[in-house]
């Protein structure tokens, strides 16, 4: 799998994760836990993809993957906490997870854009 395929897969998994969290936040608290469990499975898949990518990447891409992996790790901690929480706490934690999933998608998109740039070019804003 080349870098572009890996980044595309990462972005796709991040979007799926965000979609699952959208579903979880929009459901009643008693119905959230199965959605959170599923989102944690997606996050685990994303985590495995990122760990593999970080090991195979250039230093800059590896740093981006580590940042993204940090967001995924935070997400997974929140999800584990939500699974042990009361209904009201689960709602609050699910909202935090939704915000964290946005960070994951944003970081994955930034990493994908950075990887798509030709070597040796600097982006000027």
N, C-alpha and C. Protein backbone atom coordinates (compact mmCIF):
# COMPACT_ATOMS: atom_id res chain seq x y z
N UNK A 1 0.86 -1.16 0.00
CA UNK A 1 0.00 0.00 0.00
C UNK A 1 0.91 1.24 0.00
N UNK A 2 0.74 2.12 -0.98
CA UNK A 2 1.58 3.32 -1.02
C UNK A 2 1.01 4.39 -0.10
N UNK A 3 1.74 5.48 0.03
CA UNK A 3 1.39 6.54 0.97
C UNK A 3 0.02 7.14 0.66
N UNK A 4 -0.28 7.35 -0.63
CA UNK A 4 -1.57 7.93 -1.00
C UNK A 4 -2.73 7.00 -0.64
N UNK A 5 -2.54 5.70 -0.90
CA UNK A 5 -3.58 4.74 -0.54
C UNK A 5 -3.78 4.69 0.97
N UNK A 6 -2.68 4.73 1.71
CA UNK A 6 -2.76 4.71 3.17
C UNK A 6 -3.49 5.94 3.69
N UNK A 7 -3.15 7.10 3.15
CA UNK A 7 -3.80 8.33 3.62
C UNK A 7 -5.27 8.36 3.22
N UNK A 8 -5.60 7.85 2.04
CA UNK A 8 -7.00 7.79 1.63
C UNK A 8 -7.78 6.86 2.56
N UNK A 9 -7.17 5.71 2.90
CA UNK A 9 -7.82 4.77 3.81
C UNK A 9 -7.99 5.41 5.19
N UNK A 10 -6.96 6.13 5.64
CA UNK A 10 -7.03 6.81 6.94
C UNK A 10 -8.16 7.82 6.96
N UNK A 11 -8.24 8.64 5.91
CA UNK A 11 -9.29 9.65 5.83
C UNK A 11 -10.67 9.00 5.78
N UNK A 12 -10.80 7.91 5.01
CA UNK A 12 -12.08 7.20 4.93
C UNK A 12 -12.47 6.64 6.30
N UNK A 13 -11.51 6.03 7.00
CA UNK A 13 -11.82 5.48 8.32
C UNK A 13 -12.17 6.59 9.31
N UNK A 14 -11.49 7.72 9.21
CA UNK A 14 -11.81 8.85 10.10
C UNK A 14 -13.21 9.36 9.83
N UNK A 15 -13.59 9.44 8.56
CA UNK A 15 -14.95 9.89 8.23
C UNK A 15 -16.00 8.90 8.72
N UNK A 16 -15.70 7.58 8.60
CA UNK A 16 -16.63 6.58 9.11
C UNK A 16 -16.78 6.71 10.63
N UNK A 17 -15.66 6.96 11.28
CA UNK A 17 -15.67 7.16 12.71
C UNK A 17 -16.53 8.36 13.08
N UNK A 18 -16.35 9.47 12.38
CA UNK A 18 -17.14 10.66 12.65
C UNK A 18 -18.62 10.40 12.38
N UNK A 19 -18.92 9.66 11.31
CA UNK A 19 -20.31 9.33 11.00
C UNK A 19 -20.93 8.52 12.13
N UNK A 20 -20.19 7.54 12.66
CA UNK A 20 -20.71 6.73 13.76
C UNK A 20 -20.97 7.59 14.99
N UNK A 21 -20.09 8.55 15.24
CA UNK A 21 -20.29 9.42 16.39
C UNK A 21 -21.46 10.35 16.18
N UNK A 22 -21.69 10.82 14.96
CA UNK A 22 -22.89 11.61 14.68
C UNK A 22 -24.14 10.81 15.02
N UNK A 23 -24.15 9.54 14.61
CA UNK A 23 -25.28 8.68 14.91
C UNK A 23 -25.46 8.52 16.42
N UNK A 24 -24.37 8.31 17.13
CA UNK A 24 -24.44 8.09 18.58
C UNK A 24 -24.97 9.32 19.31
N UNK A 25 -24.48 10.50 18.93
CA UNK A 25 -24.90 11.73 19.61
C UNK A 25 -26.38 12.00 19.36
N UNK A 26 -26.89 11.62 18.19
CA UNK A 26 -28.27 11.90 17.85
C UNK A 26 -29.26 10.88 18.41
N UNK A 27 -28.79 9.84 19.02
CA UNK A 27 -29.69 8.83 19.59
C UNK A 27 -29.86 9.06 21.09
N UNK A 28 -30.91 8.49 21.64
CA UNK A 28 -31.16 8.58 23.08
C UNK A 28 -30.02 7.90 23.83
N UNK A 29 -29.75 8.34 25.05
CA UNK A 29 -28.62 7.84 25.83
C UNK A 29 -28.63 6.32 25.98
N UNK A 30 -29.78 5.74 26.20
CA UNK A 30 -29.84 4.28 26.39
C UNK A 30 -29.51 3.51 25.11
N UNK A 31 -29.57 4.19 23.96
CA UNK A 31 -29.25 3.55 22.69
C UNK A 31 -27.83 3.87 22.22
N UNK A 32 -27.11 4.68 22.97
CA UNK A 32 -25.78 5.12 22.55
C UNK A 32 -24.71 4.04 22.67
N UNK A 33 -24.78 3.24 23.66
CA UNK A 33 -23.67 2.33 23.93
C UNK A 33 -23.32 1.41 22.76
N UNK A 34 -24.27 0.80 22.06
CA UNK A 34 -23.86 -0.01 20.89
C UNK A 34 -23.16 0.82 19.82
N UNK A 35 -23.61 2.07 19.63
CA UNK A 35 -22.97 2.95 18.65
C UNK A 35 -21.55 3.31 19.11
N UNK A 36 -21.39 3.55 20.40
CA UNK A 36 -20.07 3.88 20.93
C UNK A 36 -19.14 2.67 20.79
N UNK A 37 -19.65 1.48 21.09
CA UNK A 37 -18.84 0.27 20.91
C UNK A 37 -18.38 0.14 19.47
N UNK A 38 -19.30 0.38 18.52
CA UNK A 38 -18.94 0.30 17.11
C UNK A 38 -17.92 1.36 16.73
N UNK A 39 -18.09 2.57 17.27
CA UNK A 39 -17.13 3.63 16.95
C UNK A 39 -15.76 3.31 17.55
N UNK A 40 -15.72 2.64 18.68
CA UNK A 40 -14.45 2.22 19.26
C UNK A 40 -13.78 1.15 18.39
N UNK A 41 -14.56 0.27 17.79
CA UNK A 41 -13.99 -0.71 16.86
C UNK A 41 -13.39 0.00 15.65
N UNK A 42 -14.13 1.01 15.13
CA UNK A 42 -13.61 1.79 13.99
C UNK A 42 -12.33 2.54 14.39
N UNK A 43 -12.32 3.10 15.60
CA UNK A 43 -11.14 3.81 16.07
C UNK A 43 -9.95 2.86 16.21
N UNK A 44 -10.22 1.65 16.65
CA UNK A 44 -9.16 0.66 16.78
C UNK A 44 -8.57 0.31 15.40
N UNK A 45 -9.44 0.18 14.39
CA UNK A 45 -8.97 -0.07 13.02
C UNK A 45 -8.11 1.09 12.53
N UNK A 46 -8.58 2.30 12.79
CA UNK A 46 -7.84 3.50 12.41
C UNK A 46 -6.50 3.55 13.13
N UNK A 47 -6.51 3.20 14.40
CA UNK A 47 -5.29 3.20 15.19
C UNK A 47 -4.26 2.23 14.59
N UNK A 48 -4.70 1.05 14.18
CA UNK A 48 -3.80 0.06 13.58
C UNK A 48 -3.23 0.58 12.26
N UNK A 49 -4.08 1.20 11.44
CA UNK A 49 -3.63 1.77 10.17
C UNK A 49 -2.59 2.85 10.41
N UNK A 50 -2.85 3.73 11.38
CA UNK A 50 -1.93 4.82 11.67
C UNK A 50 -0.61 4.33 12.23
N UNK A 51 -0.65 3.34 13.10
CA UNK A 51 0.58 2.80 13.67
C UNK A 51 1.46 2.22 12.57
N UNK A 52 0.86 1.50 11.65
CA UNK A 52 1.61 0.93 10.52
C UNK A 52 2.15 2.05 9.64
N UNK A 53 1.33 3.06 9.37
CA UNK A 53 1.74 4.18 8.52
C UNK A 53 2.89 4.95 9.15
N UNK A 54 2.81 5.20 10.46
CA UNK A 54 3.85 5.97 11.14
C UNK A 54 5.20 5.26 11.04
N UNK A 55 5.18 3.94 11.12
CA UNK A 55 6.43 3.18 11.04
C UNK A 55 7.04 3.20 9.64
N UNK A 56 6.23 3.40 8.61
CA UNK A 56 6.69 3.33 7.23
C UNK A 56 6.88 4.69 6.59
N UNK A 57 6.64 5.76 7.31
CA UNK A 57 6.59 7.10 6.72
C UNK A 57 7.87 7.88 6.90
N UNK A 58 7.96 8.94 6.13
CA UNK A 58 9.02 9.90 6.33
C UNK A 58 8.85 10.55 7.69
N UNK A 59 9.87 11.26 8.16
CA UNK A 59 9.79 11.87 9.49
C UNK A 59 8.61 12.82 9.60
N UNK A 60 8.39 13.68 8.57
CA UNK A 60 7.29 14.65 8.63
C UNK A 60 5.95 13.93 8.63
N UNK A 61 5.78 12.97 7.75
CA UNK A 61 4.51 12.23 7.70
C UNK A 61 4.32 11.43 8.98
N UNK A 62 5.40 10.92 9.53
CA UNK A 62 5.32 10.17 10.78
C UNK A 62 4.84 11.06 11.91
N UNK A 63 5.31 12.32 11.96
CA UNK A 63 4.85 13.25 12.98
C UNK A 63 3.36 13.54 12.84
N UNK A 64 2.90 13.69 11.59
CA UNK A 64 1.47 13.92 11.36
C UNK A 64 0.67 12.70 11.81
N UNK A 65 1.18 11.51 11.50
CA UNK A 65 0.49 10.29 11.90
C UNK A 65 0.45 10.17 13.42
N UNK A 66 1.53 10.56 14.08
CA UNK A 66 1.56 10.51 15.55
C UNK A 66 0.55 11.48 16.15
N UNK A 67 0.42 12.67 15.57
CA UNK A 67 -0.58 13.63 16.04
C UNK A 67 -1.98 13.05 15.88
N UNK A 68 -2.24 12.50 14.71
CA UNK A 68 -3.54 11.88 14.45
C UNK A 68 -3.77 10.71 15.39
N UNK A 69 -2.74 9.91 15.61
CA UNK A 69 -2.86 8.77 16.52
C UNK A 69 -3.16 9.24 17.95
N UNK A 70 -2.60 10.38 18.35
CA UNK A 70 -2.91 10.95 19.66
C UNK A 70 -4.39 11.28 19.79
N UNK A 71 -4.97 11.86 18.73
CA UNK A 71 -6.41 12.17 18.75
C UNK A 71 -7.23 10.87 18.85
N UNK A 72 -6.81 9.83 18.12
CA UNK A 72 -7.53 8.55 18.17
C UNK A 72 -7.42 7.95 19.57
N UNK A 73 -6.24 8.01 20.17
CA UNK A 73 -6.08 7.46 21.52
C UNK A 73 -6.98 8.18 22.52
N UNK A 74 -7.05 9.52 22.42
CA UNK A 74 -7.94 10.28 23.30
C UNK A 74 -9.39 9.86 23.09
N UNK A 75 -9.77 9.68 21.83
CA UNK A 75 -11.12 9.25 21.48
C UNK A 75 -11.44 7.91 22.14
N UNK A 76 -10.49 6.97 22.05
CA UNK A 76 -10.72 5.64 22.61
C UNK A 76 -10.84 5.69 24.14
N UNK A 77 -10.07 6.55 24.80
CA UNK A 77 -10.18 6.70 26.25
C UNK A 77 -11.57 7.22 26.61
N UNK A 78 -12.04 8.22 25.85
CA UNK A 78 -13.37 8.78 26.10
C UNK A 78 -14.45 7.71 25.92
N UNK A 79 -14.32 6.92 24.88
CA UNK A 79 -15.31 5.88 24.60
C UNK A 79 -15.35 4.83 25.69
N UNK A 80 -14.18 4.43 26.18
CA UNK A 80 -14.13 3.46 27.27
C UNK A 80 -14.81 4.01 28.51
N UNK A 81 -14.57 5.30 28.77
CA UNK A 81 -15.22 5.95 29.91
C UNK A 81 -16.74 6.00 29.72
N UNK A 82 -17.17 6.32 28.51
CA UNK A 82 -18.61 6.40 28.24
C UNK A 82 -19.30 5.06 28.45
N UNK A 83 -18.60 3.98 28.15
CA UNK A 83 -19.20 2.66 28.31
C UNK A 83 -19.44 2.33 29.78
N UNK A 84 -18.71 2.98 30.68
CA UNK A 84 -18.86 2.73 32.11
C UNK A 84 -19.75 3.76 32.79
N UNK A 85 -20.23 4.73 32.07
CA UNK A 85 -20.93 5.88 32.64
C UNK A 85 -22.44 5.69 32.70
N UNK A 86 -23.06 6.57 33.47
CA UNK A 86 -24.52 6.64 33.51
C UNK A 86 -25.02 7.24 32.20
N UNK A 87 -26.32 7.23 31.99
CA UNK A 87 -26.91 7.74 30.75
C UNK A 87 -26.56 9.21 30.54
N UNK A 88 -26.67 10.03 31.58
CA UNK A 88 -26.37 11.47 31.45
C UNK A 88 -24.89 11.69 31.17
N UNK A 89 -24.03 10.97 31.86
CA UNK A 89 -22.60 11.08 31.63
C UNK A 89 -22.25 10.59 30.22
N UNK A 90 -22.96 9.54 29.77
CA UNK A 90 -22.71 9.00 28.43
C UNK A 90 -23.02 10.05 27.38
N UNK A 91 -24.12 10.78 27.55
CA UNK A 91 -24.46 11.85 26.61
C UNK A 91 -23.36 12.90 26.55
N UNK A 92 -22.89 13.33 27.70
CA UNK A 92 -21.83 14.35 27.75
C UNK A 92 -20.54 13.84 27.13
N UNK A 93 -20.18 12.60 27.45
CA UNK A 93 -18.95 12.02 26.89
C UNK A 93 -19.08 11.82 25.39
N UNK A 94 -20.26 11.41 24.93
CA UNK A 94 -20.48 11.22 23.50
C UNK A 94 -20.31 12.54 22.74
N UNK A 95 -20.75 13.64 23.35
CA UNK A 95 -20.56 14.94 22.72
C UNK A 95 -19.08 15.27 22.62
N UNK A 96 -18.32 14.98 23.66
CA UNK A 96 -16.87 15.20 23.62
C UNK A 96 -16.22 14.32 22.56
N UNK A 97 -16.71 13.08 22.45
CA UNK A 97 -16.18 12.16 21.43
C UNK A 97 -16.48 12.69 20.03
N UNK A 98 -17.65 13.30 19.86
CA UNK A 98 -18.00 13.89 18.57
C UNK A 98 -17.00 14.98 18.22
N UNK A 99 -16.69 15.83 19.18
CA UNK A 99 -15.71 16.89 18.94
C UNK A 99 -14.33 16.30 18.64
N UNK A 100 -13.96 15.23 19.34
CA UNK A 100 -12.67 14.58 19.09
C UNK A 100 -12.65 13.95 17.70
N UNK A 101 -13.78 13.39 17.26
CA UNK A 101 -13.82 12.78 15.92
C UNK A 101 -13.63 13.85 14.85
N UNK A 102 -14.08 15.08 15.11
CA UNK A 102 -13.82 16.18 14.17
C UNK A 102 -12.33 16.45 14.07
N UNK A 103 -11.64 16.42 15.21
CA UNK A 103 -10.19 16.62 15.19
C UNK A 103 -9.51 15.52 14.39
N UNK A 104 -10.00 14.30 14.53
CA UNK A 104 -9.43 13.17 13.79
C UNK A 104 -9.58 13.39 12.29
N UNK A 105 -10.78 13.76 11.85
CA UNK A 105 -11.02 14.00 10.42
C UNK A 105 -10.17 15.18 9.93
N UNK A 106 -10.12 16.25 10.72
CA UNK A 106 -9.32 17.41 10.32
C UNK A 106 -7.84 17.04 10.19
N UNK A 107 -7.32 16.28 11.16
CA UNK A 107 -5.91 15.87 11.11
C UNK A 107 -5.64 14.93 9.96
N UNK A 108 -6.57 14.00 9.71
CA UNK A 108 -6.40 13.07 8.59
C UNK A 108 -6.41 13.82 7.27
N UNK A 109 -7.31 14.79 7.14
CA UNK A 109 -7.36 15.60 5.92
C UNK A 109 -6.09 16.40 5.72
N UNK A 110 -5.58 17.00 6.80
CA UNK A 110 -4.35 17.77 6.70
C UNK A 110 -3.17 16.88 6.32
N UNK A 111 -3.13 15.70 6.91
CA UNK A 111 -2.05 14.77 6.58
C UNK A 111 -2.15 14.31 5.13
N UNK A 112 -3.37 14.05 4.66
CA UNK A 112 -3.56 13.62 3.27
C UNK A 112 -3.14 14.72 2.30
N UNK A 113 -3.52 15.96 2.63
CA UNK A 113 -3.13 17.08 1.77
C UNK A 113 -1.62 17.26 1.76
N UNK A 114 -1.00 17.12 2.92
CA UNK A 114 0.45 17.28 3.04
C UNK A 114 1.16 16.18 2.25
N UNK A 115 0.66 14.94 2.35
CA UNK A 115 1.27 13.83 1.62
C UNK A 115 1.09 13.96 0.12
N UNK A 116 0.04 14.67 -0.30
CA UNK A 116 -0.22 14.84 -1.74
C UNK A 116 0.70 15.89 -2.36
N UNK A 117 1.33 16.73 -1.52
CA UNK A 117 2.23 17.75 -2.05
C UNK A 117 3.50 17.09 -2.59
N UNK A 118 4.01 17.59 -3.70
CA UNK A 118 5.26 17.04 -4.21
C UNK A 118 6.39 17.27 -3.21
N UNK A 119 7.35 16.36 -3.18
CA UNK A 119 8.52 16.46 -2.30
C UNK A 119 9.23 17.78 -2.52
N UNK A 120 9.67 18.41 -1.45
CA UNK A 120 10.48 19.60 -1.54
C UNK A 120 9.72 20.89 -1.79
N UNK A 121 8.38 20.84 -1.76
CA UNK A 121 7.62 22.08 -1.94
C UNK A 121 7.08 22.51 -0.59
N UNK A 122 7.07 23.79 -0.38
CA UNK A 122 6.48 24.36 0.84
C UNK A 122 5.25 25.11 0.43
N UNK A 123 4.19 24.91 1.17
CA UNK A 123 2.92 25.59 0.90
C UNK A 123 2.98 26.98 1.53
N UNK A 124 2.62 28.00 0.78
CA UNK A 124 2.59 29.35 1.28
C UNK A 124 1.14 29.79 1.35
N UNK A 125 0.73 30.25 2.55
CA UNK A 125 -0.67 30.69 2.72
C UNK A 125 -0.79 32.17 2.57
